[in-house]
Each structure stands twice: as C-alpha cells, then as structure tokens.
C-alpha cells in the first residue's frame, strides 16, 4: 500500500495533466466546457478515477460525455 500523501499528490498531478490534455489535444467539437473536479487513485497506485462537470444544458452534457468516451484511449495513454 502506497503512502496516502503520495497517492494524493499523484491524483492532483493526473488531474492537471488530463485538464491540460483536454484543452490542447482533444479536438472533438462535441467537447464542451469541462472542469476536472476530482481525481482519486487506488491505494496501490494502479487505477485512477476522474470526476468532471460540464457547464451547459443536458444536450451539451451528453455530447461531452460522448466526446470523452471516444477520447478515453488517448487520455489513458
């Protein structure tokens, strides 16, 4: 089990990297105004879960969810 402070730092860094990646590399027009709100890393530092919010109505939320689903592989790499 990793140090909780290290897991927290890694989660913060992952959220920064993904936020920058969404701004610069994801060119999907369906992607709306997305904010990465939280990131959590498992105790063994193997898996990370990201939470996000989308500014807009329900259609923009659905479009953004579809854009993020199609960009999942690129974001994970």
Protein backbone atom coordinates (compact mmCIF):
# COMPACT_ATOMS: atom_id res chain seq x y z
CA UNK A 1 0.00 0.00 0.00
CA UNK A 2 1.38 3.38 -1.00
CA UNK A 3 1.68 6.40 1.21
CA UNK A 4 -1.65 8.34 1.24
CA UNK A 5 0.20 11.62 0.71
CA UNK A 6 1.89 10.20 -2.36
CA UNK A 7 -1.45 8.94 -3.71
CA UNK A 8 -2.99 12.40 -3.17
CA UNK A 9 -0.09 14.12 -4.97
CA UNK A 10 -0.34 11.67 -7.85
CA UNK A 11 -4.10 12.23 -8.12
CA UNK A 12 -3.59 16.00 -8.25
CA UNK A 13 -0.93 15.64 -10.94
CA UNK A 14 -3.12 13.32 -13.00
CA UNK A 15 -6.00 15.78 -12.87
CA UNK A 16 -3.69 18.61 -14.04
CA UNK A 17 -2.34 16.53 -16.90
CA UNK A 18 -5.79 15.45 -18.07
CA UNK A 19 -7.15 19.00 -17.86
CA UNK A 20 -4.28 20.29 -20.00
CA UNK A 21 -4.75 17.39 -22.40
CA UNK A 22 -8.44 18.22 -22.82
CA UNK A 23 -7.56 21.84 -23.62
CA UNK A 24 -4.81 21.16 -26.11
CA UNK A 25 -5.05 17.73 -27.72
CA UNK A 26 -8.72 16.69 -27.80
CA UNK A 27 -10.15 18.38 -30.88
CA UNK A 28 -13.65 16.87 -30.77
CA UNK A 29 -16.26 19.59 -31.47
CA UNK A 30 -18.71 17.83 -29.11
CA UNK A 31 -16.44 18.61 -26.15
CA UNK A 32 -17.98 21.39 -24.09
CA UNK A 33 -16.74 23.42 -21.15
CA UNK A 34 -15.34 20.64 -18.94
CA UNK A 35 -13.88 21.02 -15.47
CA UNK A 36 -11.99 18.19 -13.79
CA UNK A 37 -13.36 18.33 -10.25
CA UNK A 38 -11.65 15.41 -8.53
CA UNK A 39 -9.22 12.57 -9.08
CA UNK A 40 -8.81 9.53 -6.90
CA UNK A 41 -6.07 6.92 -7.05
CA UNK A 42 -6.29 3.46 -5.57
CA UNK A 43 -4.03 2.53 -2.69
CA UNK A 44 -1.68 0.55 -4.92
CA UNK A 45 -1.47 3.46 -7.44
CA UNK A 46 -2.70 1.21 -10.24
CA UNK A 47 -6.01 2.88 -11.11
CA UNK A 48 -7.23 6.44 -11.17
CA UNK A 49 -10.81 7.69 -11.34
CA UNK A 50 -11.51 11.19 -12.61
CA UNK A 51 -14.66 13.18 -11.94
CA UNK A 52 -15.77 16.08 -14.12
CA UNK A 53 -18.55 18.61 -14.53
CA UNK A 54 -19.86 20.20 -17.70
CA UNK A 55 -21.25 23.71 -17.97
CA UNK A 56 -24.38 23.73 -20.11
CA UNK A 57 -27.69 22.02 -20.70
CA UNK A 58 -28.42 18.30 -20.88
CA UNK A 59 -27.56 18.04 -24.60
CA UNK A 60 -24.12 19.57 -24.03
CA UNK A 61 -23.54 17.18 -21.14
CA UNK A 62 -24.44 14.20 -23.30
CA UNK A 63 -22.27 15.42 -26.18
CA UNK A 64 -19.33 15.99 -23.85
CA UNK A 65 -19.75 12.52 -22.32
CA UNK A 66 -19.69 11.03 -25.83
CA UNK A 67 -16.59 13.03 -26.76
CA UNK A 68 -14.79 11.93 -23.59
CA UNK A 69 -15.78 8.31 -24.20
CA UNK A 70 -14.32 8.43 -27.70
CA UNK A 71 -11.10 10.05 -26.40
CA UNK A 72 -10.64 7.63 -23.49
CA UNK A 73 -7.83 5.67 -25.12
CA UNK A 74 -5.83 8.79 -25.93
CA UNK A 75 -6.37 10.20 -22.44
CA UNK A 76 -5.25 6.96 -20.79
CA UNK A 77 -2.05 6.82 -22.80
